[in-house]
Every structure is written in C-alpha cells, then in structure tokens.
Amino acid sequence: MSPMTDWRSVLIRPQDPIMEGLTVINRGAIGVALVTDDDMRLVGIVTDGDIRRGLLRHVSLEAPVAEIMGQRPITARDSDSRDHILALMRAHELDHIPIVNADGALVGLERLQQLARPVQRDNWVVLMAGGLGSRLGALTRDCPKPLLQVGSQPILEVILESYIALGFHRFFLSVNYKKHMIQDYFGHGERWGVRIDYLEEKEPLGTAGPLGLLPDRPTSPLIVMNGDLLTRLDFTRVLDFHREHEAEATLCVRQVEETVPYGVVQLENGHRLSGIHEKPVNKYFVNTGIYVLEPSALERIPAGGYLDMPDLFRQLIDSGRPTAAFPFLEYWMDIGQVGDFHQARKDYEDLFP
C-alpha cells in the first residue's frame, strides 16, 4: 500500500480560518483538508461539503475550521492491505481515508478514485455547445467557442474527459454555430471509448430548449452543463446531493461577494440618519450553468421550442415541484469574455495536470 505522496499539501490546523481550509482544499484539488495538531495527530477532516453546510448556516469564513470540521474521522493503518482499505472505504462510503501509523500519527491519505476504477455511470450528460461566443470577438470568428484551446486541448474536450474519468459514458452535444467543426473533432466518441450523439439546433433554442431534441427520455437523472466552463467540480457529488434531497431539478451555485466601495447610509422617514456601514460586503449565490434534471422535468420542454434553463426552473418552482441548489467551492470559470478565456488558460496549467 502506498499512501499519496502529496498528502502534506492538504494539512491545516484547528485554529486556522475556514478561508484557509478552502484554499487548501482548492489547492489540493481532492475536496478535503486534514486537520492535525502539533504532534501530527489527526483531529478532524474538512470537506467541501462541511464548508458548504457552513456557508448555508452563515458561518463566517474567518471562523476557525474547528467549528465545521468532522471529528473522529475513520482512519486506516499503514500496515493495512489495499483490499482492506478499499473495503473499509466502501463500507463507510468514503472518498478519502487518512492513513496513520502504530503511534497514531498521520502518514498519508488514500483516495477511492486511486484505489478503484470508476464505476460506470449510466446518467446521460448533455453539453451545450451551440452558442455563438460573440463576446469573444475575433477568437470565435473561425472557431466555435467550445473548441478554443486551454493548454493543448479544446475546452469541450477537457469537460468531456472530466466526466469520463468519473465513469460517465453517454453524451449528447447540443450544436449549432460551426457545428461541423465540433462533430468532426469528436465524432461519435470512439477515440474516448464513449458514445456521443448530437442535438442539432437549426436555430438557437436557449440553454434548455435543446433537451427537447433528445431522441428518447432518459431513465435516470441527467446532467446538463454549458460547454464553455472550466471547473474541478466532482459531478458525482452533485448527483448524490440531488438524490439525497429528492429534487426534480438541481442547480449548481457559487457564492459571490461584492464589496460596496463606499459608506452605505441608512435613512428613516426619508431624511433621518439611522446608520452608516463602511464598505459593506454583499453575498449571494449565482447560477454556474451546471444542472441535474429528473426525466419528468423534460416534459416541460417543448419539442423544437426555445427555453432557457432559468425559465424551466421558474416553471418548476411555480408548480411547487422540489428544486434544490448545490453550493460548491471547487474551481469554476465561465469563459464568456476575452479576459476570462486568458485567465482560464493560465489556470489550466496549475489545476489540470
């Protein structure tokens, strides 16, 4: 058994702020930080889920990680066999397990993804790749936005391979602008050992309308994602969250903070000064362009008709159908502007080895 060689990069202390835990989790790109004392003994684990639940409880990012960490984590011994560790992780449904020695000191971290080949997932994945990309100007004059390269790969190929690594194998690409370039590049997925089919828009159908072109109805929740996003999100976590909350539709969101660069004045009765707040910070969640839908939600999408995903969610909400928001903290970049594209190319070198 060989514990991870980079486990030291995800260490943190109980008194460190949650923001530092978030930084460590993002830097490690494995969704976990290990909390140790001065003797390298494991006192807790912080996952992206712990921080997400803390955000929903409005716990400050400046609070110590001890307030949100999971205590008494399950561990394995460095003398345990690979099969024993794998069985332990599966029995407790763990994605990671810390490794300790006979003295109880932390000596490593094993990941289920490394120990076991990904389970085949039959959920369909629909990638929206038909947009004009007009805000990118000359960059998309001769090339559709999903084929713009970050590193040595088109954005859409990075997305595709991130799903394949998690066991997904059935894909639909919604195409319109310069669709033949996308179809020529990806074919029907033979190069990746998966199946790819195309939803061909004769005219733009919005971010939900192309789902009306699906040849059949899926039998399990499907994932829909914009084809111009760069992210390290673990899509299997979204599916688990969706099922756990028995939602008909789940929207992935991220928290955004904006600082008002002035002193904000509060008034009463139109003229009486009641307070002044210097440079207040507004926090809110934004749509990230990643969704999970039950097959029943597709019944609301007209065949060949235009519909945006926010409008579909509004229909579900107005009808009293259960919808959910999945806050996540992993890296995410919407490549909508030229500056975003150049930033994504820089980020790719560090986050997508």
Protein backbone atom coordinates (compact mmCIF):
# COMPACT_ATOMS: atom_id res chain seq x y z
CA MET A 1 0.00 0.00 0.00
CA SER A 2 1.38 3.38 -0.97
CA PRO A 3 -0.28 6.46 0.55
CA MET A 4 -0.47 9.61 -1.52
CA THR A 5 2.81 11.44 -1.84
CA ASP A 6 1.14 14.90 -1.78
CA TRP A 7 -0.97 14.50 1.37
CA ARG A 8 1.08 17.12 3.22
CA SER A 9 -0.28 19.76 0.85
CA VAL A 10 -3.76 19.44 2.42
CA LEU A 11 -2.80 19.84 6.09
CA ILE A 12 -4.37 22.53 8.26
CA ARG A 13 -4.61 23.41 11.99
CA PRO A 14 -7.85 23.57 14.03
CA GLN A 15 -7.40 27.28 14.71
CA ASP A 16 -6.85 28.22 11.07
CA PRO A 17 -9.71 30.18 9.46
CA ILE A 18 -12.20 28.40 7.23
CA MET A 19 -10.95 30.52 4.34
CA GLU A 20 -7.55 28.86 4.72
CA GLY A 21 -9.28 25.47 4.66
CA LEU A 22 -11.00 26.48 1.43
CA THR A 23 -7.64 27.49 -0.04
CA VAL A 24 -6.09 24.17 0.97
CA ILE A 25 -8.99 22.18 -0.49
CA ASN A 26 -8.79 24.05 -3.79
CA ARG A 27 -5.01 23.76 -3.91
CA GLY A 28 -5.13 20.03 -3.28
CA ALA A 29 -8.00 19.60 -5.79
CA ILE A 30 -9.24 16.49 -3.97
CA GLY A 31 -12.06 18.04 -1.93
CA VAL A 32 -10.60 17.53 1.56
CA ALA A 33 -8.28 19.11 4.13
CA LEU A 34 -6.75 17.17 7.03
CA VAL A 35 -6.78 18.90 10.43
CA THR A 36 -3.80 17.96 12.64
CA ASP A 37 -2.40 19.07 15.98
CA ASP A 38 1.23 19.98 16.69
CA ASP A 39 2.11 16.28 17.06
CA MET A 40 0.75 15.43 13.59
CA ARG A 41 -2.19 13.59 15.10
CA LEU A 42 -5.39 13.77 13.10
CA VAL A 43 -8.11 15.70 14.96
CA GLY A 44 -10.59 16.21 12.14
CA ILE A 45 -11.36 16.45 8.44
CA VAL A 46 -12.80 19.34 6.48
CA THR A 47 -14.52 18.59 3.18
CA ASP A 48 -16.12 20.83 0.61
CA GLY A 49 -19.44 19.60 2.00
CA ASP A 50 -18.54 20.80 5.51
CA ILE A 51 -17.72 24.27 4.18
CA ARG A 52 -20.84 24.28 2.01
CA ARG A 53 -23.02 23.47 5.02
CA GLY A 54 -21.20 26.16 6.99
CA LEU A 55 -21.95 28.71 4.26
CA LEU A 56 -25.61 27.78 4.32
CA ARG A 57 -25.57 28.31 8.13
CA HIS A 58 -23.87 31.69 7.54
CA VAL A 59 -20.72 30.70 9.41
CA SER A 60 -18.05 33.30 8.69
CA LEU A 61 -15.10 32.27 6.54
CA GLU A 62 -12.92 33.86 9.21
CA ALA A 63 -14.16 31.39 11.86
CA PRO A 64 -11.77 28.54 12.81
CA VAL A 65 -12.11 25.29 10.89
CA ALA A 66 -12.75 23.56 14.22
CA GLU A 67 -16.31 24.95 14.03
CA ILE A 68 -17.17 22.99 10.90
CA MET A 69 -14.74 20.05 10.71
CA GLY A 70 -15.83 16.47 11.02
CA GLN A 71 -14.39 14.98 14.21
CA ARG A 72 -13.31 11.40 14.94
CA PRO A 73 -12.72 10.53 11.28
CA ILE A 74 -12.40 6.93 10.19
CA THR A 75 -8.76 6.01 9.54
CA ALA A 76 -6.71 3.08 8.24
CA ARG A 77 -3.32 1.81 9.39
CA ASP A 78 -0.22 1.99 7.23
CA SER A 79 0.10 -1.77 7.68
CA ASP A 80 -3.37 -2.46 6.18
CA SER A 81 -3.62 -4.07 2.76
CA ARG A 82 -5.00 -2.24 -0.25
CA ASP A 83 -8.03 -4.55 -0.35
CA HIS A 84 -8.76 -3.94 3.33
CA ILE A 85 -8.59 -0.16 2.87
CA LEU A 86 -10.80 -0.33 -0.20
CA ALA A 87 -13.37 -2.45 1.66
CA LEU A 88 -13.29 0.00 4.58
CA MET A 89 -13.90 2.96 2.29
CA ARG A 90 -16.76 1.24 0.52
CA ALA A 91 -18.36 0.10 3.76
CA HIS A 92 -18.42 3.68 5.06
CA GLU A 93 -18.99 5.30 1.64
CA LEU A 94 -15.76 7.32 1.89
CA ASP A 95 -13.96 9.09 -0.94
CA HIS A 96 -10.81 9.59 1.16
CA ILE A 97 -9.30 7.86 4.17
CA PRO A 98 -6.36 9.12 6.26
CA ILE A 99 -3.54 6.68 6.96
CA VAL A 100 -1.98 6.59 10.45
CA ASN A 101 0.94 4.63 11.90
CA ALA A 102 1.08 2.50 15.04
CA ASP A 103 1.60 5.63 17.15
CA GLY A 104 -1.48 7.30 15.71
CA ALA A 105 0.44 9.88 13.69
CA LEU A 106 -0.81 10.83 10.24
CA VAL A 107 1.39 9.38 7.49
CA GLY A 108 -0.75 9.56 4.36
CA LEU A 109 -4.08 9.79 2.60
CA GLU A 110 -5.67 7.31 0.23
CA ARG A 111 -8.34 8.19 -2.33
CA LEU A 112 -11.04 5.86 -3.56
CA GLN A 113 -10.53 7.18 -7.08
CA GLN A 114 -6.94 5.92 -6.96
CA LEU A 115 -7.77 2.57 -5.40
CA ALA A 116 -10.70 1.63 -7.59
CA ARG A 117 -11.55 2.10 -11.20
CA PRO A 118 -14.52 4.42 -11.68
CA VAL A 119 -17.94 2.84 -11.55
CA GLN A 120 -19.76 3.08 -14.86
CA ARG A 121 -22.49 5.72 -14.57
CA ASP A 122 -25.42 5.45 -16.94
CA ASN A 123 -26.65 9.01 -16.38
CA TRP A 124 -26.77 10.95 -19.62
CA VAL A 125 -24.66 14.10 -19.89
CA VAL A 126 -25.79 16.91 -22.19
CA LEU A 127 -23.16 19.53 -23.02
CA MET A 128 -24.46 22.78 -24.53
CA ALA A 129 -22.03 23.66 -27.31
CA GLY A 130 -24.14 25.64 -29.77
CA GLY A 131 -23.54 29.24 -28.68
CA LEU A 132 -22.10 31.91 -30.96
CA GLY A 133 -19.46 33.10 -28.48
CA SER A 134 -19.90 36.63 -29.86
CA ARG A 135 -18.44 38.27 -26.75
CA LEU A 136 -15.10 36.67 -27.56
CA GLY A 137 -14.85 38.63 -30.79
CA ALA A 138 -12.18 37.51 -33.23
CA LEU A 139 -11.40 34.39 -31.17
CA THR A 140 -14.63 32.74 -32.33
CA ARG A 141 -14.81 34.14 -35.85
CA ASP A 142 -13.41 30.95 -37.34
CA CYS A 143 -13.72 28.59 -34.36
CA PRO A 144 -16.70 27.72 -32.13
CA LYS A 145 -16.08 28.63 -28.51
CA PRO A 146 -16.08 25.01 -27.20
CA LEU A 147 -13.11 24.25 -29.49
CA LEU A 148 -10.95 27.11 -28.16
CA GLN A 149 -7.89 25.57 -26.59
CA VAL A 150 -6.79 25.72 -22.98
CA GLY A 151 -3.44 24.00 -22.64
CA SER A 152 -3.25 21.56 -25.54
CA GLN A 153 -6.97 20.70 -25.58
CA PRO A 154 -10.25 22.32 -26.58
CA ILE A 155 -12.36 23.42 -23.62
CA LEU A 156 -15.05 20.91 -24.53
CA GLU A 157 -12.57 18.04 -24.55
CA VAL A 158 -11.41 18.96 -21.04
CA ILE A 159 -15.04 18.86 -19.92
CA LEU A 160 -15.69 15.55 -21.67
CA GLU A 161 -12.65 13.87 -20.15
CA SER A 162 -13.52 15.10 -16.66
CA TYR A 163 -16.83 13.23 -16.95
CA ILE A 164 -15.23 10.14 -18.45
CA ALA A 165 -12.79 9.96 -15.52
CA LEU A 166 -15.81 9.65 -13.22
CA GLY A 167 -17.38 6.80 -15.20
CA PHE A 168 -19.86 8.66 -17.43
CA HIS A 169 -20.08 7.28 -20.96
CA ARG A 170 -23.27 8.54 -22.67
CA PHE A 171 -23.05 12.08 -24.03
CA PHE A 172 -25.11 14.44 -26.14
CA LEU A 173 -23.63 17.62 -27.58
CA SER A 174 -26.01 20.42 -28.49
CA VAL A 175 -24.55 22.14 -31.56
CA ASN A 176 -25.41 25.00 -33.88
CA TYR A 177 -22.67 27.55 -34.69
CA LYS A 178 -19.96 25.86 -36.81
CA LYS A 179 -21.40 22.52 -35.73
CA HIS A 180 -19.47 20.52 -38.33
CA MET A 181 -16.16 21.51 -36.70
CA ILE A 182 -17.35 20.10 -33.39
CA GLN A 183 -18.79 16.97 -34.99
CA ASP A 184 -15.61 16.35 -36.98
CA TYR A 185 -13.46 16.67 -33.86
CA PHE A 186 -15.46 14.46 -31.51
CA GLY A 187 -17.14 12.07 -33.94
CA HIS A 188 -19.27 9.62 -32.01
CA GLY A 189 -16.80 9.26 -29.15
CA GLU A 190 -14.79 6.32 -30.49
CA ARG A 191 -11.48 7.93 -29.52
CA TRP A 192 -12.54 8.09 -25.86
CA GLY A 193 -14.43 4.79 -25.72
CA VAL A 194 -17.78 6.52 -25.10
CA ARG A 195 -20.90 7.28 -27.13
CA ILE A 196 -21.54 10.82 -28.36
CA ASP A 197 -24.66 11.91 -30.24
CA TYR A 198 -25.69 15.37 -31.36
CA LEU A 199 -28.68 17.61 -30.79
CA GLU A 200 -28.61 19.80 -33.88
CA GLU A 201 -30.26 23.18 -33.42
CA LYS A 202 -31.50 24.67 -36.69
CA GLU A 203 -31.82 27.93 -34.76
CA PRO A 204 -30.79 28.83 -31.19
CA LEU A 205 -33.06 27.11 -28.66
CA GLY A 206 -31.68 28.55 -25.42
CA THR A 207 -29.98 26.70 -22.58
CA ALA A 208 -32.85 24.22 -22.00
CA GLY A 209 -34.63 24.06 -25.38
CA PRO A 210 -32.13 21.62 -26.97
CA LEU A 211 -33.25 18.99 -24.46
CA GLY A 212 -36.47 18.81 -26.46
CA LEU A 213 -34.41 17.26 -29.27
CA LEU A 214 -33.35 14.22 -27.23
CA PRO A 215 -34.32 11.06 -29.16
CA ASP A 216 -35.65 9.33 -26.04
CA ARG A 217 -36.34 10.06 -22.41
CA PRO A 218 -33.60 9.01 -20.01
CA THR A 219 -34.44 6.60 -17.22
CA SER A 220 -32.28 8.31 -14.59
CA PRO A 221 -31.30 11.90 -13.71
CA LEU A 222 -29.31 13.63 -16.43
CA ILE A 223 -26.64 16.29 -16.10
CA VAL A 224 -26.77 19.40 -18.27
CA MET A 225 -23.75 21.69 -18.50
CA ASN A 226 -22.70 24.65 -20.59
CA GLY A 227 -19.85 23.69 -22.92
CA ASP A 228 -17.71 26.72 -22.12
CA LEU A 229 -16.99 26.10 -18.43
CA LEU A 230 -13.72 25.11 -16.84
CA THR A 231 -14.24 23.50 -13.44
CA ARG A 232 -12.88 20.93 -10.99
CA LEU A 233 -16.34 20.07 -9.67
CA ASP A 234 -16.93 16.38 -8.88
CA PHE A 235 -20.17 15.79 -10.77
CA THR A 236 -20.92 12.59 -8.84
CA ARG A 237 -21.32 14.69 -5.69
CA VAL A 238 -23.99 16.74 -7.42
CA LEU A 239 -25.89 13.58 -8.35
CA ASP A 240 -25.67 12.31 -4.77
CA PHE A 241 -26.92 15.66 -3.46
CA HIS A 242 -29.77 15.67 -5.99
CA ARG A 243 -30.92 12.20 -4.93
CA GLU A 244 -30.50 12.93 -1.22
CA HIS A 245 -32.81 15.96 -1.48
CA GLU A 246 -35.29 14.17 -3.77
CA ALA A 247 -35.25 17.12 -6.14
CA GLU A 248 -36.80 17.26 -9.58
CA ALA A 249 -34.13 19.74 -10.62
CA THR A 250 -30.88 20.84 -9.00
CA LEU A 251 -28.94 23.99 -9.84
CA CYS A 252 -25.23 24.26 -9.04
CA VAL A 253 -24.37 27.62 -7.48
CA ARG A 254 -21.37 29.51 -6.17
CA GLN A 255 -21.25 32.25 -3.57
CA VAL A 256 -20.12 35.64 -4.84
CA GLU A 257 -19.03 38.51 -2.61
CA GLU A 258 -19.13 42.15 -3.69
CA THR A 259 -17.78 44.98 -1.58
CA VAL A 260 -19.54 48.32 -1.91
CA PRO A 261 -16.62 50.81 -2.11
CA TYR A 262 -18.48 53.48 -0.13
CA GLY A 263 -20.06 54.07 3.23
CA VAL A 264 -23.67 52.95 2.82
CA VAL A 265 -26.11 55.27 4.58
CA GLN A 266 -29.39 54.11 6.11
CA LEU A 267 -32.27 56.57 6.43
CA GLU A 268 -35.58 56.62 8.28
CA ASN A 269 -38.59 58.74 7.36
CA GLY A 270 -36.80 59.87 4.23
CA HIS A 271 -34.28 62.15 5.97
CA ARG A 272 -33.31 60.86 9.43
CA LEU A 273 -29.89 59.20 9.52
CA SER A 274 -30.14 55.80 11.24
CA GLY A 275 -26.75 54.24 10.43
CA ILE A 276 -23.63 54.18 8.30
CA HIS A 277 -21.92 50.96 7.19
CA GLU A 278 -18.44 51.35 5.72
CA LYS A 279 -17.77 49.25 2.64
CA PRO A 280 -20.35 46.52 3.37
CA VAL A 281 -19.97 43.13 1.70
CA ASN A 282 -22.96 41.68 -0.14
CA LYS A 283 -23.08 37.91 -0.53
CA TYR A 284 -25.27 35.96 -2.91
CA PHE A 285 -25.33 32.75 -4.91
CA VAL A 286 -25.05 32.73 -8.72
CA ASN A 287 -26.02 30.21 -11.39
CA THR A 288 -22.96 28.29 -12.68
CA GLY A 289 -24.53 26.68 -15.76
CA ILE A 290 -24.49 23.13 -14.34
CA TYR A 291 -27.77 21.31 -13.68
CA VAL A 292 -29.26 17.92 -12.79
CA LEU A 293 -32.77 17.13 -14.05
CA GLU A 294 -35.15 14.28 -13.43
CA PRO A 295 -36.65 12.79 -16.62
CA SER A 296 -40.04 14.18 -15.54
CA ALA A 297 -38.69 17.74 -15.79
CA LEU A 298 -38.14 17.24 -19.51
CA GLU A 299 -41.89 17.03 -20.07
CA ARG A 300 -41.99 20.81 -19.66
CA ILE A 301 -39.63 21.42 -22.59
CA PRO A 302 -41.39 21.95 -25.94
CA ALA A 303 -40.03 19.92 -28.86
CA GLY A 304 -38.11 22.33 -31.06
CA GLY A 305 -39.09 25.34 -28.94
CA TYR A 306 -36.91 27.97 -27.26
CA LEU A 307 -36.44 27.76 -23.49
CA ASP A 308 -33.73 28.95 -21.14
CA MET A 309 -32.83 26.91 -18.08
CA PRO A 310 -33.78 29.64 -15.54
CA ASP A 311 -37.27 29.70 -17.10
CA LEU A 312 -37.56 25.93 -16.68
CA PHE A 313 -36.62 26.25 -13.01
CA ARG A 314 -39.17 29.04 -12.57
CA GLN A 315 -41.86 26.78 -14.02
CA LEU A 316 -40.92 24.01 -11.60
CA ILE A 317 -40.82 26.38 -8.64
CA ASP A 318 -44.18 27.99 -9.54
CA SER A 319 -45.69 24.49 -9.83
CA GLY A 320 -44.46 23.57 -6.38
CA ARG A 321 -42.04 20.96 -7.65
CA PRO A 322 -39.00 20.24 -5.44
CA THR A 323 -35.89 22.08 -6.63
CA ALA A 324 -32.51 22.37 -4.93
CA ALA A 325 -29.32 24.43 -5.04
CA PHE A 326 -25.93 22.73 -4.71
CA PRO A 327 -23.29 25.23 -3.48
CA PHE A 328 -19.77 24.19 -4.46
CA LEU A 329 -16.32 25.58 -3.83
CA GLU A 330 -14.14 23.92 -6.44
CA TYR A 331 -12.56 25.94 -9.21
CA TRP A 332 -15.03 27.31 -11.78
CA MET A 333 -14.60 29.70 -14.69
CA ASP A 334 -17.25 30.79 -17.17
CA ILE A 335 -15.36 31.57 -20.37
CA GLY A 336 -17.61 34.36 -21.61
CA GLN A 337 -15.22 37.27 -22.04
CA VAL A 338 -11.77 37.51 -23.61
CA GLY A 339 -10.24 38.15 -20.18
CA ASP A 340 -11.93 35.05 -18.78
CA PHE A 341 -10.50 32.93 -21.59
CA HIS A 342 -6.94 34.12 -20.99
CA GLN A 343 -7.35 33.57 -17.23
CA ALA A 344 -8.68 30.06 -17.85
CA ARG A 345 -5.62 29.25 -19.97
CA LYS A 346 -3.37 30.31 -17.09
CA ASP A 347 -5.41 28.42 -14.52
CA TYR A 348 -5.39 25.26 -16.64
CA GLU A 349 -1.63 24.84 -16.24
CA ASP A 350 -1.95 24.76 -12.43
CA LEU A 351 -5.25 22.93 -11.95
CA PHE A 352 -5.45 20.40 -14.80
CA PRO A 353 -2.19 18.44 -14.77
